Amino acid sequence: MLTGAVDLDAVKNDVERKALEGMINNFGQTPCQLLRDPHPRRLIFDDLLAKAMKTDRHLSLFYFLENLKLYFVEVRFWCWFW
């Protein structure tokens, strides 16, 4: 049994038991602690660029949105079936 898991056999109130069963069916029972190590800190932009240059990885275009140019293209769709 998981640490902190709900013991449905110990719940005497039928309404509360059905509510708990519904929550468990929808969301499942998860352990109190999933990860043992903290999440790594987020890189600031300069650190990200330096890391990308070292590993020769391609960066996502979302890091350079200010350099993108917006174009408007009109597309006409003709359908012979209508």
Protein backbone atom coordinates (compact mmCIF):
# COMPACT_ATOMS: atom_id res chain seq x y z
CA MET A 1 0.00 0.00 0.00
CA LEU A 2 1.23 3.50 -0.78
CA THR A 3 2.26 5.86 1.99
CA GLY A 4 -0.75 8.02 2.80
CA ALA A 5 -3.07 5.87 0.66
CA VAL A 6 -6.76 5.78 1.49
CA ASP A 7 -7.96 2.59 3.16
CA LEU A 8 -11.46 2.22 1.71
CA ASP A 9 -12.28 -0.64 4.08
CA ALA A 10 -11.86 1.73 7.03
CA VAL A 11 -14.40 4.27 5.67
CA LYS A 12 -17.78 3.53 7.26
CA ASN A 13 -19.87 6.31 5.68
CA ASP A 14 -21.27 5.05 2.34
CA VAL A 15 -21.47 8.52 0.79
CA GLU A 16 -17.87 9.32 1.72
CA ARG A 17 -16.71 5.90 0.51
CA LYS A 18 -18.40 6.33 -2.89
CA ALA A 19 -16.95 9.83 -3.19
CA LEU A 20 -13.45 8.52 -2.41
CA GLU A 21 -13.88 5.63 -4.87
CA GLY A 22 -14.93 8.11 -7.56
CA MET A 23 -11.90 10.31 -6.92
CA ILE A 24 -9.57 7.31 -6.98
CA ASN A 25 -11.13 6.05 -10.23
CA ASN A 26 -10.78 9.47 -11.85
CA PHE A 27 -7.39 10.54 -10.54
CA GLY A 28 -5.79 7.45 -9.02
CA GLN A 29 -3.80 7.27 -5.82
CA THR A 30 -0.38 8.84 -5.99
CA PRO A 31 2.42 8.59 -3.46
CA CYS A 32 3.11 11.54 -1.18
CA GLN A 33 6.49 12.14 -2.81
CA LEU A 34 7.11 11.42 -6.49
CA LEU A 35 10.60 12.86 -6.88
CA ARG A 36 13.58 12.73 -4.56
CA ASP A 37 15.68 15.43 -6.19
CA PRO A 38 14.53 19.01 -6.70
CA HIS A 39 13.80 20.20 -10.22
CA PRO A 40 16.79 21.76 -11.98
CA ARG A 41 16.73 25.54 -12.02
CA ARG A 42 15.64 27.30 -15.19
CA LEU A 43 18.39 28.64 -17.37
CA ILE A 44 18.51 32.33 -18.10
CA PHE A 45 18.70 33.20 -21.79
CA ASP A 46 22.46 33.81 -21.84
CA ASP A 47 23.14 30.46 -20.13
CA LEU A 48 20.80 28.75 -22.57
CA LEU A 49 22.63 30.22 -25.56
CA ALA A 50 26.00 29.24 -24.13
CA LYS A 51 24.81 25.69 -23.48
CA ALA A 52 23.33 25.41 -26.97
CA MET A 53 26.56 26.62 -28.57
CA LYS A 54 28.58 24.03 -26.62
CA THR A 55 26.31 21.10 -27.49
CA ASP A 56 25.63 22.22 -31.08
CA ARG A 57 21.89 21.78 -30.54
CA HIS A 58 19.34 23.71 -32.53
CA LEU A 59 17.31 26.14 -30.47
CA SER A 60 13.57 26.43 -30.76
CA LEU A 61 12.23 29.33 -32.81
CA PHE A 62 10.29 30.50 -29.76
CA TYR A 63 13.51 31.89 -28.30
CA PHE A 64 13.78 34.26 -31.26
CA LEU A 65 10.21 35.45 -31.75
CA GLU A 66 11.27 39.10 -31.92
CA ASN A 67 13.32 38.29 -35.05
CA LEU A 68 10.46 36.64 -36.92
CA LYS A 69 8.63 38.52 -39.65
CA LEU A 70 4.89 38.33 -40.06
CA TYR A 71 3.47 37.71 -43.51
CA PHE A 72 -0.14 37.70 -44.62
CA VAL A 73 -1.05 35.23 -47.32
CA GLU A 74 -4.57 35.01 -48.67
CA VAL A 75 -5.61 31.49 -49.52
CA ARG A 76 -8.72 30.83 -51.52
CA PHE A 77 -10.16 27.40 -51.33
CA TRP A 78 -12.20 26.19 -54.25
CA CYS A 79 -14.26 23.08 -53.83
CA TRP A 80 -15.88 21.52 -56.88
CA PHE A 81 -18.23 19.43 -54.78
CA TRP A 82 -20.38 22.30 -53.46
